[in-house]
Amino acid sequence: MRAPISVIIPTLNATPKLRATMLSLMEGLDAGLVRELILSDGGSTDGIEKMADFVGAELITGPAGRGGQLKRGVEASEGDWVLCLHADTWMPEGWAEETVRHLAKAHDAALVYSLSFRDAEGMGPKLVAKWANLRTKLFNLPYGDQALLISRELYDEIGGYADIPLMEDVELAKRLKGKIRLSPLSVQTDPSRYQTSGWWRQGCRNLFRLLRFYLGADPETLAKNYRR
C-alpha cells in the first residue's frame, strides 16, 4: 500500500527554518504516511536546491506568491491526501496518530491544527493563539500557519488554491465552510513577525487585513502592505 500523503511546503528564502520543519515531519515518515515532500519555491537565493537534494524533496519553481506556489505544489503531487505546511511551522508530537484517525473517518473534511508560537512567552502570544483557535472553532476560518490536511478528492471538488499572493488560506477556507475539523494538538509557528512589529500591532493589522479582504480588497494590494 502506497503512503497516502504528499507534503507541500511553499518556500521563499526560508531554508534556515526548513530543517526544524522537516524534522517535525519525521514521525509521519516513520509511520508510513508520507509519500513525498514537495518544495514549491518562489525564487529563493539561499540554497534551496541543495536542501531539496539533501532531503530527497522534489523542487518546483515559479513566480513568488503563496497561493500560486501551493497550487503548483498540489498539482505536482501524487498522494491521495496533501498536507500543506508553511516553511516556518512545526508539526506537533502525535500528529501521525491524529492523521491516521482522520484518514480513517473524515474524507469529506479537512483537518487543521490549533495554533501556538515557538519560544514565545507572555500574554501576547497566548492571546493571539487563543483568538486564532476561537476564530477557527466559531467561523471555520483557520490561517495557513495552522497546517492543512485535505484529501485530493475534496481539494479538487472545491477548486483548490487560488493563485493569489495573500489570503489564499482564507479564500480556500471560505469554500470549505463546514468541512474543517480543528485538532486539539498545536502546531508551533515562528513568532518573528509579531516580535518585530509587536504582538498587539501585528494582531490588529492581521484583523484589519482580513476585514479588507472580506470587503473586496485586492489580494495583490494586501500583499504589498503585508511585506512592508
Protein backbone atom coordinates (compact mmCIF):
# COMPACT_ATOMS: atom_id res chain seq x y z
CA MET A 1 0.00 0.00 0.00
CA ARG A 2 1.39 3.39 -1.01
CA ALA A 3 1.87 6.15 1.55
CA PRO A 4 -1.13 8.50 1.27
CA ILE A 5 0.24 11.99 1.94
CA SER A 6 2.10 14.47 -0.21
CA VAL A 7 3.60 17.27 1.91
CA ILE A 8 3.62 20.65 0.16
CA ILE A 9 5.79 23.47 1.55
CA PRO A 10 5.92 26.88 -0.19
CA THR A 11 9.35 28.46 0.20
CA LEU A 12 10.95 31.84 -0.36
CA ASN A 13 14.35 32.28 1.30
CA ALA A 14 13.21 30.10 4.18
CA THR A 15 15.95 27.47 4.08
CA PRO A 16 17.35 28.20 7.59
CA LYS A 17 13.95 27.37 9.12
CA LEU A 18 13.26 24.30 7.00
CA ARG A 19 15.45 21.92 8.96
CA ALA A 20 13.21 22.10 12.06
CA THR A 21 10.07 21.91 9.90
CA MET A 22 11.30 18.76 8.19
CA LEU A 23 12.36 17.17 11.47
CA SER A 24 8.82 17.65 12.75
CA LEU A 25 7.58 15.56 9.81
CA MET A 26 9.72 12.55 10.69
CA GLU A 27 7.13 10.73 12.78
CA GLY A 28 4.79 10.73 9.78
CA LEU A 29 7.56 9.32 7.63
CA ASP A 30 8.33 6.64 10.21
CA ALA A 31 4.61 5.76 10.34
CA GLY A 32 4.50 5.24 6.58
CA LEU A 33 2.22 8.23 5.97
CA VAL A 34 4.44 10.50 3.87
CA ARG A 35 4.71 9.61 0.21
CA GLU A 36 6.67 12.65 -0.98
CA LEU A 37 7.87 16.10 0.01
CA ILE A 38 7.42 18.90 -2.49
CA LEU A 39 9.08 22.29 -2.03
CA SER A 40 7.31 24.86 -4.16
CA ASP A 41 9.76 27.72 -4.42
CA GLY A 42 9.14 31.31 -5.42
CA GLY A 43 12.69 32.37 -6.34
CA SER A 44 14.88 31.69 -3.31
CA THR A 45 18.56 32.64 -3.32
CA ASP A 46 19.50 30.83 -0.10
CA GLY A 47 20.49 27.39 -1.31
CA ILE A 48 17.08 25.77 -1.53
CA GLU A 49 18.32 23.50 -4.32
CA LYS A 50 20.93 21.92 -2.06
CA MET A 51 18.41 21.50 0.74
CA ALA A 52 15.90 19.80 -1.57
CA ASP A 53 18.58 17.48 -2.90
CA PHE A 54 19.84 16.66 0.59
CA VAL A 55 16.43 15.59 1.92
CA GLY A 56 15.22 13.98 -1.29
CA ALA A 57 12.45 16.51 -1.89
CA GLU A 58 11.01 17.44 -5.26
CA LEU A 59 11.69 21.10 -6.01
CA ILE A 60 9.38 23.01 -8.32
CA THR A 61 9.83 26.69 -9.10
CA GLY A 62 7.68 29.54 -10.31
CA PRO A 63 6.64 33.11 -9.50
CA ALA A 64 6.51 34.13 -5.85
CA GLY A 65 3.09 34.21 -4.22
CA ARG A 66 1.93 31.67 -1.69
CA GLY A 67 -1.36 30.85 -3.39
CA GLY A 68 0.32 30.10 -6.70
CA GLN A 69 3.14 28.19 -5.05
CA LEU A 70 0.72 25.98 -3.13
CA LYS A 71 -1.40 25.47 -6.23
CA ARG A 72 1.61 24.34 -8.27
CA GLY A 73 2.78 22.10 -5.45
CA VAL A 74 -0.54 20.30 -5.17
CA GLU A 75 -0.77 19.94 -8.94
CA ALA A 76 2.62 18.21 -8.96
CA SER A 77 1.71 15.84 -6.12
CA GLU A 78 0.67 12.21 -6.40
CA GLY A 79 -0.76 11.47 -2.95
CA ASP A 80 -4.41 10.84 -2.17
CA TRP A 81 -4.03 13.46 0.56
CA VAL A 82 -1.99 16.65 0.76
CA LEU A 83 -0.54 18.30 3.84
CA CYS A 84 0.09 21.98 3.12
CA LEU A 85 2.59 23.37 5.60
CA HIS A 86 4.34 26.72 5.94
CA ALA A 87 8.13 26.62 5.99
CA ASP A 88 8.20 28.20 9.47
CA THR A 89 5.56 25.97 11.07
CA TRP A 90 6.40 22.80 13.00
CA MET A 91 4.07 19.82 13.33
CA PRO A 92 3.22 18.68 16.88
CA GLU A 93 4.21 15.47 18.56
CA GLY A 94 1.45 12.94 17.94
CA TRP A 95 0.39 14.32 14.58
CA ALA A 96 0.92 10.97 12.84
CA GLU A 97 -1.56 9.20 15.12
CA GLU A 98 -4.01 12.07 14.71
CA THR A 99 -3.66 11.78 10.96
CA VAL A 100 -4.33 8.06 10.95
CA ARG A 101 -7.59 8.67 12.83
CA HIS A 102 -8.62 11.44 10.44
CA LEU A 103 -7.86 9.43 7.32
CA ALA A 104 -9.98 6.57 8.62
CA LYS A 105 -13.17 8.54 9.11
CA ALA A 106 -13.17 12.00 7.55
CA HIS A 107 -12.56 12.00 3.80
CA ASP A 108 -15.21 14.72 3.48
CA ALA A 109 -13.43 17.14 5.83
CA ALA A 110 -10.08 18.89 6.10
CA LEU A 111 -8.01 18.84 9.29
CA VAL A 112 -6.20 21.86 10.69
CA TYR A 113 -4.28 22.25 13.94
CA SER A 114 -4.56 24.55 16.90
CA LEU A 115 -2.02 27.36 16.91
CA SER A 116 0.86 28.13 19.24
CA PHE A 117 4.09 30.10 18.90
CA ARG A 118 7.56 28.67 19.28
CA ASP A 119 9.80 30.05 22.03
CA ALA A 120 7.43 32.92 22.77
CA GLU A 121 6.30 33.75 26.29
CA GLY A 122 3.93 36.26 27.81
CA MET A 123 0.33 37.32 27.36
CA GLY A 124 0.69 38.45 23.74
CA PRO A 125 1.36 35.07 22.12
CA LYS A 126 -1.21 33.36 24.35
CA LEU A 127 -3.98 35.75 23.39
CA VAL A 128 -3.14 35.72 19.68
CA ALA A 129 -3.16 31.92 19.68
CA LYS A 130 -6.43 31.79 21.63
CA TRP A 131 -8.06 34.15 19.15
CA ALA A 132 -6.81 32.07 16.19
CA ASN A 133 -8.22 28.89 17.70
CA LEU A 134 -11.52 30.56 18.65
CA ARG A 135 -11.80 32.01 15.13
CA THR A 136 -11.32 28.52 13.70
CA LYS A 137 -13.94 26.97 16.01
CA LEU A 138 -16.58 29.66 15.61
CA PHE A 139 -16.12 30.69 11.99
CA ASN A 140 -14.36 27.69 10.41
CA LEU A 141 -11.60 30.14 9.46
CA PRO A 142 -8.05 28.87 10.03
CA TYR A 143 -4.95 30.52 8.61
CA GLY A 144 -2.26 28.68 6.68
CA ASP A 145 0.14 28.59 9.62
CA GLN A 146 -2.19 26.03 11.25
CA ALA A 147 -1.31 23.48 8.53
CA LEU A 148 -3.97 21.89 6.32
CA LEU A 149 -4.54 18.19 5.69
CA ILE A 150 -7.08 17.61 2.93
CA SER A 151 -7.94 14.76 0.60
CA ARG A 152 -7.11 15.38 -3.04
CA GLU A 153 -10.71 14.49 -3.88
CA LEU A 154 -12.11 17.25 -1.63
CA TYR A 155 -9.40 19.69 -2.74
CA ASP A 156 -10.32 19.19 -6.40
CA GLU A 157 -14.04 19.32 -5.61
CA ILE A 158 -13.80 22.84 -4.15
CA GLY A 159 -11.40 24.09 -6.82
CA GLY A 160 -8.12 24.19 -4.89
CA TYR A 161 -5.97 27.17 -4.02
CA ALA A 162 -6.46 30.43 -5.84
CA ASP A 163 -3.34 31.86 -7.49
CA ILE A 164 -3.21 34.95 -5.28
CA PRO A 165 -0.23 36.28 -3.28
CA LEU A 166 -2.02 36.54 0.07
CA MET A 167 -5.25 35.37 1.74
CA GLU A 168 -5.15 32.12 -0.22
CA ASP A 169 -5.80 30.32 3.07
CA VAL A 170 -8.85 32.43 3.89
CA GLU A 171 -10.21 32.14 0.36
CA LEU A 172 -9.89 28.35 0.47
CA ALA A 173 -11.45 28.17 3.94
CA LYS A 174 -14.50 30.07 2.67
CA ARG A 175 -15.11 27.30 0.14
CA LEU A 176 -14.51 24.63 2.81
CA LYS A 177 -17.16 26.12 5.11
CA GLY A 178 -18.44 23.45 7.47
CA LYS A 179 -15.82 20.94 6.32
CA ILE A 180 -12.92 21.91 8.59
CA ARG A 181 -12.01 19.98 11.74
CA LEU A 182 -9.76 21.55 14.40
CA SER A 183 -7.28 19.27 16.13
CA PRO A 184 -6.57 19.83 19.84
CA LEU A 185 -2.88 19.30 19.01
CA SER A 186 -0.99 22.54 18.44
CA VAL A 187 1.47 23.31 15.71
CA GLN A 188 4.21 25.78 16.58
CA THR A 189 4.83 28.67 14.25
CA ASP A 190 7.62 31.24 14.11
CA PRO A 191 6.76 34.41 16.07
CA SER A 192 9.34 36.66 14.38
CA ARG A 193 6.89 38.96 12.58
CA TYR A 194 4.91 39.51 15.77
CA GLN A 195 8.03 40.09 17.82
CA THR A 196 9.32 42.63 15.30
CA SER A 197 6.05 44.56 14.89
CA GLY A 198 4.64 43.99 18.36
CA TRP A 199 2.00 41.40 19.27
CA TRP A 200 -0.91 43.82 19.54
CA ARG A 201 0.01 45.86 16.48
CA GLN A 202 0.55 42.81 14.28
CA GLY A 203 -2.65 41.19 15.53
CA CYS A 204 -4.65 44.32 14.71
CA ARG A 205 -3.02 44.54 11.29
CA ASN A 206 -3.97 40.95 10.54
CA LEU A 207 -7.58 41.53 11.60
CA PHE A 208 -7.82 44.74 9.57
CA ARG A 209 -6.35 42.94 6.54
CA LEU A 210 -8.89 40.15 6.93
CA LEU A 211 -11.77 42.62 7.07
CA ARG A 212 -10.49 44.42 3.97
CA PHE A 213 -10.30 41.11 2.11
CA TYR A 214 -13.89 40.28 3.02
CA LEU A 215 -14.92 43.72 1.83
CA GLY A 216 -13.34 43.06 -1.58
CA ALA A 217 -9.79 44.43 -1.34
CA ASP A 218 -7.35 43.19 -3.99
CA PRO A 219 -5.04 40.45 -2.58
CA GLU A 220 -2.12 41.97 -4.51
CA THR A 221 -2.59 45.26 -2.68
CA LEU A 222 -2.91 43.46 0.64
CA ALA A 223 0.27 41.50 -0.07
CA LYS A 224 2.25 44.68 -0.77
CA ASN A 225 1.07 46.08 2.55
CA TYR A 226 1.92 42.80 4.32
CA ARG A 227 5.50 42.84 3.05
CA ARG A 228 6.26 46.32 4.36
